[in-house]
Amino acid sequence: MELEVKVASIHIVLAIVAGYISFLFSTGAISGLGKNEVLAILAGLIILYLGGQLSERIFGKEEVGGFKGWLWSGIVPFFFIWIVVWVLFYNL
């Protein structure tokens, strides 16, 4: 597989996880925290950053292409999948 597909695949899997975690935070399913959309967004952004660092460590910073490569192969797919999964779980 091409490198862009691998980076996007990592970010898509992490986006599904982030969407579910954001759902848990935003609905108050985690006891003691209540409904907290700020924590939901913060959790998603932290997972996004960790996914980028993971991709750079696995494939090398030069291979990923720095921020520009990470933007189109990682951030954009992550953002859209994260929001879709979050909304789907929220509306169940």
C-alpha atoms as a PDB file:
ATOM      1  CA  MET A   1       0.000   0.000   0.000  1.00  0.00           C
ATOM      2  CA  GLU A   2       1.023   3.568  -0.498  1.00  0.00           C
ATOM      3  CA  LEU A   3       2.192   5.563   2.462  1.00  0.00           C
ATOM      4  CA  GLU A   4      -0.750   7.980   2.267  1.00  0.00           C
ATOM      5  CA  VAL A   5      -3.210   5.100   2.497  1.00  0.00           C
ATOM      6  CA  LYS A   6      -1.431   3.698   5.536  1.00  0.00           C
ATOM      7  CA  VAL A   7      -1.375   7.067   7.309  1.00  0.00           C
ATOM      8  CA  ALA A   8      -5.040   7.651   6.474  1.00  0.00           C
ATOM      9  CA  SER A   9      -5.948   4.158   7.717  1.00  0.00           C
ATOM     10  CA  ILE A  10      -4.279   4.768  11.070  1.00  0.00           C
ATOM     11  CA  HIS A  11      -6.092   8.074  11.443  1.00  0.00           C
ATOM     12  CA  ILE A  12      -9.460   6.608  10.427  1.00  0.00           C
ATOM     13  CA  VAL A  13      -9.236   3.870  13.058  1.00  0.00           C
ATOM     14  CA  LEU A  14      -8.243   6.430  15.678  1.00  0.00           C
ATOM     15  CA  ALA A  15     -11.081   8.720  14.538  1.00  0.00           C
ATOM     16  CA  ILE A  16     -13.617   5.966  15.199  1.00  0.00           C
ATOM     17  CA  VAL A  17     -12.206   5.548  18.702  1.00  0.00           C
ATOM     18  CA  ALA A  18     -12.181   9.326  19.232  1.00  0.00           C
ATOM     19  CA  GLY A  19     -15.780   9.589  18.030  1.00  0.00           C
ATOM     20  CA  TYR A  20     -16.923   7.022  20.558  1.00  0.00           C
ATOM     21  CA  ILE A  21     -14.945   8.641  23.389  1.00  0.00           C
ATOM     22  CA  SER A  22     -16.362  12.045  22.426  1.00  0.00           C
ATOM     23  CA  PHE A  23     -19.836  10.535  22.534  1.00  0.00           C
ATOM     24  CA  LEU A  24     -19.184   9.205  26.040  1.00  0.00           C
ATOM     25  CA  PHE A  25     -17.979  12.609  27.264  1.00  0.00           C
ATOM     26  CA  SER A  26     -20.740  14.608  25.593  1.00  0.00           C
ATOM     27  CA  THR A  27     -23.595  12.451  26.887  1.00  0.00           C
ATOM     28  CA  GLY A  28     -22.357  12.088  30.444  1.00  0.00           C
ATOM     29  CA  ALA A  29     -21.960   8.314  30.166  1.00  0.00           C
ATOM     30  CA  ILE A  30     -18.782   8.511  32.240  1.00  0.00           C
ATOM     31  CA  SER A  31     -19.967   9.007  35.789  1.00  0.00           C
ATOM     32  CA  GLY A  32     -18.605  11.949  37.695  1.00  0.00           C
ATOM     33  CA  LEU A  33     -17.876  14.112  34.653  1.00  0.00           C
ATOM     34  CA  GLY A  34     -21.390  14.982  33.560  1.00  0.00           C
ATOM     35  CA  LYS A  35     -22.077  16.269  30.049  1.00  0.00           C
ATOM     36  CA  ASN A  36     -18.923  17.974  28.860  1.00  0.00           C
ATOM     37  CA  GLU A  37     -18.456  18.812  25.188  1.00  0.00           C
ATOM     38  CA  VAL A  38     -15.172  20.602  25.876  1.00  0.00           C
ATOM     39  CA  LEU A  39     -13.610  17.381  27.154  1.00  0.00           C
ATOM     40  CA  ALA A  40     -15.058  15.568  24.149  1.00  0.00           C
ATOM     41  CA  ILE A  41     -13.338  17.932  21.717  1.00  0.00           C
ATOM     42  CA  LEU A  42     -10.127  17.946  23.736  1.00  0.00           C
ATOM     43  CA  ALA A  43     -10.036  14.133  23.747  1.00  0.00           C
ATOM     44  CA  GLY A  44     -10.454  14.061  19.962  1.00  0.00           C
ATOM     45  CA  LEU A  45      -7.663  16.592  19.439  1.00  0.00           C
ATOM     46  CA  ILE A  46      -5.316  14.700  21.748  1.00  0.00           C
ATOM     47  CA  ILE A  47      -6.013  11.456  19.880  1.00  0.00           C
ATOM     48  CA  LEU A  48      -5.393  13.268  16.593  1.00  0.00           C
ATOM     49  CA  TYR A  49      -2.019  14.546  17.820  1.00  0.00           C
ATOM     50  CA  LEU A  50      -1.026  11.112  19.125  1.00  0.00           C
ATOM     51  CA  GLY A  51      -2.027   9.575  15.789  1.00  0.00           C
ATOM     52  CA  GLY A  52       0.231  12.016  13.958  1.00  0.00           C
ATOM     53  CA  GLN A  53       3.136  11.255  16.257  1.00  0.00           C
ATOM     54  CA  LEU A  54       2.525   7.527  15.829  1.00  0.00           C
ATOM     55  CA  SER A  55       2.520   7.867  12.037  1.00  0.00           C
ATOM     56  CA  GLU A  56       5.758   9.837  12.064  1.00  0.00           C
ATOM     57  CA  ARG A  57       7.451   7.267  14.301  1.00  0.00           C
ATOM     58  CA  ILE A  58       6.283   4.307  12.225  1.00  0.00           C
ATOM     59  CA  PHE A  59       6.956   5.706   8.756  1.00  0.00           C
ATOM     60  CA  GLY A  60       9.494   8.445   9.439  1.00  0.00           C
ATOM     61  CA  LYS A  61       8.964  12.181   9.499  1.00  0.00           C
ATOM     62  CA  GLU A  62      10.473  12.691   6.038  1.00  0.00           C
ATOM     63  CA  GLU A  63       8.319   9.965   4.493  1.00  0.00           C
ATOM     64  CA  VAL A  64       5.082  11.359   5.910  1.00  0.00           C
ATOM     65  CA  GLY A  65       5.941  14.764   4.468  1.00  0.00           C
ATOM     66  CA  GLY A  66       5.782  16.884   7.592  1.00  0.00           C
ATOM     67  CA  PHE A  67       2.712  18.935   8.335  1.00  0.00           C
ATOM     68  CA  LYS A  68       1.582  19.232   4.715  1.00  0.00           C
ATOM     69  CA  GLY A  69       1.556  15.463   4.197  1.00  0.00           C
ATOM     70  CA  TRP A  70      -0.029  14.899   7.569  1.00  0.00           C
ATOM     71  CA  LEU A  71      -2.741  17.466   6.825  1.00  0.00           C
ATOM     72  CA  TRP A  72      -4.145  15.716   3.751  1.00  0.00           C
ATOM     73  CA  SER A  73      -3.443  12.118   4.735  1.00  0.00           C
ATOM     74  CA  GLY A  74      -4.229  12.373   8.424  1.00  0.00           C
ATOM     75  CA  ILE A  75      -6.034  15.430   9.702  1.00  0.00           C
ATOM     76  CA  VAL A  76      -8.730  15.731   7.044  1.00  0.00           C
ATOM     77  CA  PRO A  77      -9.841  12.055   7.132  1.00  0.00           C
ATOM     78  CA  PHE A  78      -9.634  12.048  10.941  1.00  0.00           C
ATOM     79  CA  PHE A  79     -11.791  15.144  11.298  1.00  0.00           C
ATOM     80  CA  PHE A  80     -14.583  13.967   9.017  1.00  0.00           C
ATOM     81  CA  ILE A  81     -14.740  10.409  10.381  1.00  0.00           C
ATOM     82  CA  TRP A  82     -14.532  11.671  13.979  1.00  0.00           C
ATOM     83  CA  ILE A  83     -17.484  14.031  13.504  1.00  0.00           C
ATOM     84  CA  VAL A  84     -19.583  11.434  11.632  1.00  0.00           C
ATOM     85  CA  VAL A  85     -19.005   8.726  14.268  1.00  0.00           C
ATOM     86  CA  TRP A  86     -19.672  11.170  17.110  1.00  0.00           C
ATOM     87  CA  VAL A  87     -22.963  12.309  15.556  1.00  0.00           C
ATOM     88  CA  LEU A  88     -24.051   8.742  14.748  1.00  0.00           C
ATOM     89  CA  PHE A  89     -23.487   7.558  18.311  1.00  0.00           C
ATOM     90  CA  TYR A  90     -25.066  10.704  19.733  1.00  0.00           C
ATOM     91  CA  ASN A  91     -28.255  10.129  17.722  1.00  0.00           C
ATOM     92  CA  LEU A  92     -28.718   6.492  18.704  1.00  0.00           C
END
